[in-house]
PDB file of N, CA and C in Angstrom:
ATOM      1  N   MET A   1      44.371 -45.976 -76.643  1.00  0.00           N
ATOM      2  CA  MET A   1      42.712 -46.897 -77.930  1.00  0.00           C
ATOM      3  C   MET A   1      41.435 -47.483 -77.987  1.00  0.00           C
ATOM      4  N   LYS A   2      40.036 -47.461 -77.554  1.00  0.00           N
ATOM      5  CA  LYS A   2      39.116 -48.662 -77.431  1.00  0.00           C
ATOM      6  C   LYS A   2      38.833 -49.023 -78.602  1.00  0.00           C
ATOM      7  N   GLU A   3      39.186 -50.681 -78.094  1.00  0.00           N
ATOM      8  CA  GLU A   3      38.461 -51.119 -79.571  1.00  0.00           C
ATOM      9  C   GLU A   3      37.050 -51.269 -79.940  1.00  0.00           C
ATOM     10  N   THR A   4      36.786 -51.475 -81.159  1.00  0.00           N
ATOM     11  CA  THR A   4      35.563 -51.479 -81.673  1.00  0.00           C
ATOM     12  C   THR A   4      35.145 -52.700 -81.296  1.00  0.00           C
ATOM     13  N   LEU A   5      33.895 -52.915 -80.895  1.00  0.00           N
ATOM     14  CA  LEU A   5      32.591 -54.347 -81.003  1.00  0.00           C
ATOM     15  C   LEU A   5      32.231 -53.763 -81.956  1.00  0.00           C
ATOM     16  N   TYR A   6      31.768 -55.380 -82.558  1.00  0.00           N
ATOM     17  CA  TYR A   6      30.458 -54.942 -83.742  1.00  0.00           C
ATOM     18  C   TYR A   6      29.547 -56.192 -83.434  1.00  0.00           C
ATOM     19  N   ARG A   7      28.110 -56.006 -83.763  1.00  0.00           N
ATOM     20  CA  ARG A   7      26.705 -56.621 -84.226  1.00  0.00           C
ATOM     21  C   ARG A   7      27.179 -57.158 -85.448  1.00  0.00           C
ATOM     22  N   LEU A   8      25.958 -58.524 -85.417  1.00  0.00           N
ATOM     23  CA  LEU A   8      26.285 -59.279 -86.269  1.00  0.00           C
ATOM     24  C   LEU A   8      24.927 -59.448 -86.933  1.00  0.00           C
ATOM     25  N   CYS A   9      24.606 -59.996 -87.607  1.00  0.00           N
ATOM     26  CA  CYS A   9      23.140 -60.638 -87.867  1.00  0.00           C
ATOM     27  C   CYS A   9      23.458 -61.274 -88.343  1.00  0.00           C
ATOM     28  N   PRO A  10      22.631 -62.715 -87.308  1.00  0.00           N
ATOM     29  CA  PRO A  10      22.832 -63.832 -87.601  1.00  0.00           C
ATOM     30  C   PRO A  10      21.878 -65.016 -89.223  1.00  0.00           C
ATOM     31  N   ARG A  11      21.554 -64.219 -90.073  1.00  0.00           N
ATOM     32  CA  ARG A  11      21.040 -64.671 -91.168  1.00  0.00           C
ATOM     33  C   ARG A  11      21.821 -64.058 -92.165  1.00  0.00           C
ATOM     34  N   CYS A  12      22.441 -62.971 -92.504  1.00  0.00           N
ATOM     35  CA  CYS A  12      23.707 -62.453 -93.442  1.00  0.00           C
ATOM     36  C   CYS A  12      24.639 -62.111 -93.135  1.00  0.00           C
ATOM     37  N   PHE A  13      24.977 -62.015 -92.233  1.00  0.00           N
ATOM     38  CA  PHE A  13      26.024 -61.778 -91.614  1.00  0.00           C
ATOM     39  C   PHE A  13      26.391 -59.991 -91.625  1.00  0.00           C
ATOM     40  N   ARG A  14      25.734 -58.992 -91.931  1.00  0.00           N
ATOM     41  CA  ARG A  14      26.006 -57.606 -92.328  1.00  0.00           C
ATOM     42  C   ARG A  14      25.883 -57.944 -90.680  1.00  0.00           C
ATOM     43  N   ALA A  15      26.842 -56.776 -90.098  1.00  0.00           N
ATOM     44  CA  ALA A  15      27.848 -56.181 -89.178  1.00  0.00           C
ATOM     45  C   ALA A  15      28.059 -54.957 -89.444  1.00  0.00           C
ATOM     46  N   VAL A  16      27.866 -54.494 -88.114  1.00  0.00           N
ATOM     47  CA  VAL A  16      27.882 -52.903 -87.812  1.00  0.00           C
ATOM     48  C   VAL A  16      28.648 -52.629 -86.426  1.00  0.00           C
ATOM     49  N   PRO A  17      29.691 -51.236 -86.173  1.00  0.00           N
ATOM     50  CA  PRO A  17      29.480 -51.131 -85.376  1.00  0.00           C
ATOM     51  C   PRO A  17      28.785 -50.607 -84.096  1.00  0.00           C
ATOM     52  N   VAL A  18      29.321 -51.590 -83.357  1.00  0.00           N
ATOM     53  CA  VAL A  18      28.148 -51.688 -81.774  1.00  0.00           C
ATOM     54  C   VAL A  18      27.777 -49.438 -81.746  1.00  0.00           C
ATOM     55  N   HIS A  19      28.968 -49.024 -81.783  1.00  0.00           N
ATOM     56  CA  HIS A  19      28.539 -47.575 -82.025  1.00  0.00           C
ATOM     57  C   HIS A  19      27.104 -47.086 -82.322  1.00  0.00           C
ATOM     58  N   SER A  20      26.952 -47.482 -83.540  1.00  0.00           N
ATOM     59  CA  SER A  20      26.326 -47.171 -84.733  1.00  0.00           C
ATOM     60  C   SER A  20      24.630 -47.118 -83.832  1.00  0.00           C
ATOM     61  N   GLY A  21      24.744 -47.730 -82.963  1.00  0.00           N
ATOM     62  CA  GLY A  21      23.095 -47.650 -82.328  1.00  0.00           C
ATOM     63  C   GLY A  21      21.868 -48.691 -82.926  1.00  0.00           C
ATOM     64  N   GLU A  22      22.461 -49.770 -83.900  1.00  0.00           N
ATOM     65  CA  GLU A  22      21.567 -50.900 -84.600  1.00  0.00           C
ATOM     66  C   GLU A  22      21.563 -51.789 -83.954  1.00  0.00           C
ATOM     67  N   HIS A  23      20.555 -52.062 -83.773  1.00  0.00           N
ATOM     68  CA  HIS A  23      19.696 -53.067 -83.097  1.00  0.00           C
ATOM     69  C   HIS A  23      19.460 -54.265 -84.381  1.00  0.00           C
ATOM     70  N   PHE A  24      18.960 -54.026 -84.935  1.00  0.00           N
ATOM     71  CA  PHE A  24      18.336 -54.565 -85.849  1.00  0.00           C
ATOM     72  C   PHE A  24      18.862 -54.952 -87.094  1.00  0.00           C
ATOM     73  N   CYS A  25      19.185 -55.751 -88.339  1.00  0.00           N
ATOM     74  CA  CYS A  25      19.078 -55.399 -89.088  1.00  0.00           C
ATOM     75  C   CYS A  25      18.676 -54.996 -90.201  1.00  0.00           C
ATOM     76  N   ALA A  26      19.165 -54.028 -91.248  1.00  0.00           N
ATOM     77  CA  ALA A  26      18.260 -53.488 -92.270  1.00  0.00           C
ATOM     78  C   ALA A  26      17.957 -54.072 -93.053  1.00  0.00           C
ATOM     79  N   ASN A  27      18.579 -54.890 -94.015  1.00  0.00           N
ATOM     80  CA  ASN A  27      18.504 -56.285 -94.787  1.00  0.00           C
ATOM     81  C   ASN A  27      17.047 -56.948 -94.314  1.00  0.00           C
ATOM     82  N   ASP A  28      16.878 -57.645 -93.332  1.00  0.00           N
ATOM     83  CA  ASP A  28      16.303 -58.517 -93.239  1.00  0.00           C
ATOM     84  C   ASP A  28      15.250 -58.471 -91.791  1.00  0.00           C
ATOM     85  N   GLY A  29      15.514 -57.576 -90.510  1.00  0.00           N
ATOM     86  CA  GLY A  29      15.221 -57.330 -89.881  1.00  0.00           C
ATOM     87  C   GLY A  29      14.941 -58.260 -88.268  1.00  0.00           C
ATOM     88  N   GLN A  30      16.721 -59.039 -88.330  1.00  0.00           N
ATOM     89  CA  GLN A  30      17.130 -60.343 -87.765  1.00  0.00           C
ATOM     90  C   GLN A  30      17.422 -59.270 -86.195  1.00  0.00           C
ATOM     91  N   LYS A  31      17.295 -59.165 -85.674  1.00  0.00           N
ATOM     92  CA  LYS A  31      17.795 -58.926 -84.263  1.00  0.00           C
ATOM     93  C   LYS A  31      19.505 -59.177 -84.253  1.00  0.00           C
ATOM     94  N   LEU A  32      20.334 -58.387 -84.291  1.00  0.00           N
ATOM     95  CA  LEU A  32      21.744 -58.388 -83.687  1.00  0.00           C
ATOM     96  C   LEU A  32      22.283 -58.881 -83.535  1.00  0.00           C
ATOM     97  N   LEU A  33      23.138 -59.888 -83.186  1.00  0.00           N
ATOM     98  CA  LEU A  33      24.255 -60.213 -82.065  1.00  0.00           C
ATOM     99  C   LEU A  33      25.138 -59.455 -81.909  1.00  0.00           C
ATOM    100  N   GLU A  34      25.590 -59.461 -80.199  1.00  0.00           N
ATOM    101  CA  GLU A  34      26.495 -58.503 -79.955  1.00  0.00           C
ATOM    102  C   GLU A  34      27.430 -59.618 -79.641  1.00  0.00           C
ATOM    103  N   ARG A  35      26.953 -60.823 -79.121  1.00  0.00           N
ATOM    104  CA  ARG A  35      28.320 -61.540 -78.045  1.00  0.00           C
ATOM    105  C   ARG A  35      27.807 -62.902 -79.005  1.00  0.00           C
ATOM    106  N   CYS A  36      28.445 -63.742 -78.849  1.00  0.00           N
ATOM    107  CA  CYS A  36      28.421 -65.647 -78.896  1.00  0.00           C
ATOM    108  C   CYS A  36      27.234 -65.558 -78.341  1.00  0.00           C
ATOM    109  N   PRO A  37      26.317 -66.223 -78.724  1.00  0.00           N
ATOM    110  CA  PRO A  37      25.435 -66.793 -78.143  1.00  0.00           C
ATOM    111  C   PRO A  37      25.738 -67.947 -76.812  1.00  0.00           C
ATOM    112  N   LYS A  38      26.404 -68.097 -77.234  1.00  0.00           N
ATOM    113  CA  LYS A  38      26.897 -69.827 -76.695  1.00  0.00           C
ATOM    114  C   LYS A  38      27.262 -69.011 -75.256  1.00  0.00           C
ATOM    115  N   CYS A  39      28.891 -68.081 -75.494  1.00  0.00           N
ATOM    116  CA  CYS A  39      30.171 -68.323 -74.723  1.00  0.00           C
ATOM    117  C   CYS A  39      29.519 -66.702 -73.865  1.00  0.00           C
ATOM    118  N   GLN A  40      29.146 -65.811 -74.548  1.00  0.00           N
ATOM    119  CA  GLN A  40      28.832 -64.169 -74.013  1.00  0.00           C
ATOM    120  C   GLN A  40      30.059 -63.760 -74.937  1.00  0.00           C
ATOM    121  N   THR A  41      31.335 -63.887 -75.591  1.00  0.00           N
ATOM    122  CA  THR A  41      32.008 -62.954 -75.764  1.00  0.00           C
ATOM    123  C   THR A  41      31.739 -62.611 -76.656  1.00  0.00           C
ATOM    124  N   PRO A  42      32.287 -61.150 -76.894  1.00  0.00           N
ATOM    125  CA  PRO A  42      31.920 -59.811 -77.662  1.00  0.00           C
ATOM    126  C   PRO A  42      32.624 -59.855 -79.321  1.00  0.00           C
ATOM    127  N   ILE A  43      31.495 -59.790 -79.968  1.00  0.00           N
ATOM    128  CA  ILE A  43      32.150 -59.999 -81.348  1.00  0.00           C
ATOM    129  C   ILE A  43      33.094 -58.602 -81.881  1.00  0.00           C
ATOM    130  N   LYS A  44      34.121 -58.985 -82.146  1.00  0.00           N
ATOM    131  CA  LYS A  44      35.403 -58.618 -82.058  1.00  0.00           C
ATOM    132  C   LYS A  44      36.221 -57.346 -83.816  1.00  0.00           C
ATOM    133  N   SER A  45      34.801 -58.247 -84.695  1.00  0.00           N
ATOM    134  CA  SER A  45      35.337 -58.103 -86.072  1.00  0.00           C
ATOM    135  C   SER A  45      34.284 -58.408 -86.950  1.00  0.00           C
ATOM    136  N   PRO A  46      33.858 -57.335 -88.072  1.00  0.00           N
ATOM    137  CA  PRO A  46      33.414 -57.966 -88.781  1.00  0.00           C
ATOM    138  C   PRO A  46      33.292 -58.912 -89.810  1.00  0.00           C
ATOM    139  N   TYR A  47      34.709 -59.636 -89.421  1.00  0.00           N
ATOM    140  CA  TYR A  47      34.893 -60.566 -90.719  1.00  0.00           C
ATOM    141  C   TYR A  47      34.723 -62.029 -89.974  1.00  0.00           C
ATOM    142  N   PHE A  48      34.906 -62.139 -88.559  1.00  0.00           N
ATOM    143  CA  PHE A  48      34.886 -63.375 -87.835  1.00  0.00           C
ATOM    144  C   PHE A  48      33.988 -64.379 -88.656  1.00  0.00           C
ATOM    145  N   ARG A  49      33.486 -65.321 -88.796  1.00  0.00           N
ATOM    146  CA  ARG A  49      32.130 -66.333 -88.792  1.00  0.00           C
ATOM    147  C   ARG A  49      32.150 -67.213 -87.477  1.00  0.00           C
ATOM    148  N   PHE A  50      33.569 -67.370 -86.836  1.00  0.00           N
ATOM    149  CA  PHE A  50      33.311 -68.475 -85.624  1.00  0.00           C
ATOM    150  C   PHE A  50      33.850 -67.585 -84.544  1.00  0.00           C
ATOM    151  N   CYS A  51      33.143 -68.258 -82.979  1.00  0.00           N
ATOM    152  CA  CYS A  51      33.350 -67.061 -81.865  1.00  0.00           C
ATOM    153  C   CYS A  51      34.828 -67.707 -82.066  1.00  0.00           C
ATOM    154  N   VAL A  52      35.969 -66.798 -81.085  1.00  0.00           N
ATOM    155  CA  VAL A  52      37.012 -66.638 -81.010  1.00  0.00           C
ATOM    156  C   VAL A  52      37.793 -67.708 -79.561  1.00  0.00           C
ATOM    157  N   ARG A  53      36.615 -67.245 -78.978  1.00  0.00           N
ATOM    158  CA  ARG A  53      36.825 -68.388 -77.432  1.00  0.00           C
ATOM    159  C   ARG A  53      36.306 -69.975 -77.498  1.00  0.00           C
ATOM    160  N   CYS A  54      34.948 -69.903 -78.186  1.00  0.00           N
ATOM    161  CA  CYS A  54      34.601 -71.322 -78.497  1.00  0.00           C
ATOM    162  C   CYS A  54      34.487 -71.916 -79.277  1.00  0.00           C
ATOM    163  N   GLY A  55      34.793 -71.213 -80.363  1.00  0.00           N
ATOM    164  CA  GLY A  55      35.061 -71.357 -81.805  1.00  0.00           C
ATOM    165  C   GLY A  55      33.286 -71.906 -82.341  1.00  0.00           C
ATOM    166  N   LEU A  56      32.168 -71.610 -81.867  1.00  0.00           N
ATOM    167  CA  LEU A  56      30.978 -71.854 -82.559  1.00  0.00           C
ATOM    168  C   LEU A  56      30.970 -70.984 -84.120  1.00  0.00           C
ATOM    169  N   GLU A  57      30.134 -72.129 -84.863  1.00  0.00           N
ATOM    170  CA  GLU A  57      30.168 -71.288 -86.385  1.00  0.00           C
ATOM    171  C   GLU A  57      28.809 -70.650 -86.431  1.00  0.00           C
ATOM    172  N   TYR A  58      29.263 -69.529 -86.667  1.00  0.00           N
ATOM    173  CA  TYR A  58      28.122 -68.374 -86.776  1.00  0.00           C
ATOM    174  C   TYR A  58      27.125 -68.782 -87.850  1.00  0.00           C
ATOM    175  N   SER A  59      27.621 -68.978 -89.285  1.00  0.00           N
ATOM    176  CA  SER A  59      26.655 -69.909 -89.675  1.00  0.00           C
ATOM    177  C   SER A  59      26.343 -70.593 -89.563  1.00  0.00           C
ATOM    178  N   TRP A  60      26.149 -71.510 -88.352  1.00  0.00           N
ATOM    179  CA  TRP A  60      25.096 -72.186 -87.631  1.00  0.00           C
ATOM    180  C   TRP A  60      23.887 -71.485 -87.064  1.00  0.00           C
ATOM    181  N   LEU A  61      23.864 -70.815 -87.102  1.00  0.00           N
ATOM    182  CA  LEU A  61      23.123 -69.871 -86.624  1.00  0.00           C
ATOM    183  C   LEU A  61      21.967 -69.264 -87.738  1.00  0.00           C
ATOM    184  N   LYS A  62      22.704 -68.672 -89.220  1.00  0.00           N
ATOM    185  CA  LYS A  62      22.114 -68.387 -89.911  1.00  0.00           C
ATOM    186  C   LYS A  62      21.365 -70.265 -90.621  1.00  0.00           C
ATOM    187  N   THR A  63      21.162 -71.123 -90.289  1.00  0.00           N
ATOM    188  CA  THR A  63      20.317 -72.621 -90.325  1.00  0.00           C
ATOM    189  C   THR A  63      20.017 -72.727 -89.833  1.00  0.00           C
ATOM    190  N   GLN A  64      20.122 -72.044 -88.285  1.00  0.00           N
ATOM    191  CA  GLN A  64      18.416 -72.150 -87.400  1.00  0.00           C
ATOM    192  C   GLN A  64      17.719 -71.582 -87.504  1.00  0.00           C
ATOM    193  N   ASN A  65      17.688 -70.100 -87.997  1.00  0.00           N
ATOM    194  CA  ASN A  65      16.910 -69.181 -88.044  1.00  0.00           C
ATOM    195  C   ASN A  65      16.362 -69.858 -89.310  1.00  0.00           C
ATOM    196  N   LEU A  66      16.991 -69.619 -90.375  1.00  0.00           N
ATOM    197  CA  LEU A  66      16.114 -70.097 -91.692  1.00  0.00           C
ATOM    198  C   LEU A  66      14.960 -71.528 -91.536  1.00  0.00           C
ATOM    199  N   GLN A  67      14.947 -72.153 -90.430  1.00  0.00           N
ATOM    200  CA  GLN A  67      14.621 -73.432 -90.392  1.00  0.00           C
ATOM    201  C   GLN A  67      12.408 -72.817 -90.061  1.00  0.00           C
ATOM    202  N   VAL A  68      13.587 -71.782 -88.998  1.00  0.00           N
ATOM    203  CA  VAL A  68      12.059 -71.210 -88.161  1.00  0.00           C
ATOM    204  C   VAL A  68      11.292 -69.931 -89.556  1.00  0.00           C
ATOM    205  N   GLY A  69       9.817 -70.909 -90.105  1.00  0.00           N
ATOM    206  CA  GLY A  69       9.263 -70.463 -90.585  1.00  0.00           C
ATOM    207  C   GLY A  69       8.119 -69.219 -90.621  1.00  0.00           C
ATOM    208  N   PHE A  70       7.047 -68.703 -91.622  1.00  0.00           N
ATOM    209  CA  PHE A  70       6.230 -68.143 -91.498  1.00  0.00           C
ATOM    210  C   PHE A  70       5.295 -69.135 -91.258  1.00  0.00           C
ATOM    211  N   LYS A  71       3.844 -69.312 -91.073  1.00  0.00           N
ATOM    212  CA  LYS A  71       2.324 -70.028 -90.806  1.00  0.00           C
ATOM    213  C   LYS A  71       1.883 -69.245 -91.568  1.00  0.00           C
ATOM    214  N   VAL A  72       0.989 -69.321 -92.301  1.00  0.00           N
ATOM    215  CA  VAL A  72       0.139 -69.124 -93.442  1.00  0.00           C
ATOM    216  C   VAL A  72      -1.086 -68.913 -92.894  1.00  0.00           C
ATOM    217  N   ALA A  73      -1.781 -67.879 -93.013  1.00  0.00           N
ATOM    218  CA  ALA A  73      -2.686 -68.284 -92.681  1.00  0.00           C
ATOM    219  C   ALA A  73      -4.282 -68.882 -93.213  1.00  0.00           C
ATOM    220  N   GLU A  74      -4.729 -70.026 -93.307  1.00  0.00           N
ATOM    221  CA  GLU A  74      -5.478 -70.448 -93.947  1.00  0.00           C
ATOM    222  C   GLU A  74      -7.490 -70.047 -93.958  1.00  0.00           C
ATOM    223  N   GLY A  75      -7.768 -70.090 -95.091  1.00  0.00           N
ATOM    224  CA  GLY A  75      -8.910 -69.406 -94.794  1.00  0.00           C
ATOM    225  C   GLY A  75     -10.249 -69.541 -96.186  1.00  0.00           C
TER     226      GLY A  75
END
């Protein structure tokens, strides 16, 4: 039996199975992560909040994304 891998939204932590074909979060449009950005280990559970190989805390990614803002056009 093949194990299910997941894609995870780094902003809202919404998880979807890789076989769903989704590449962007339906909630906020963020590109979904399929692997840990630090060590490239596949995300094997929709409930993981830490990488099982290197220990990277996925909530750290949420903090990083929220620091990136939009520039308002002045006019």
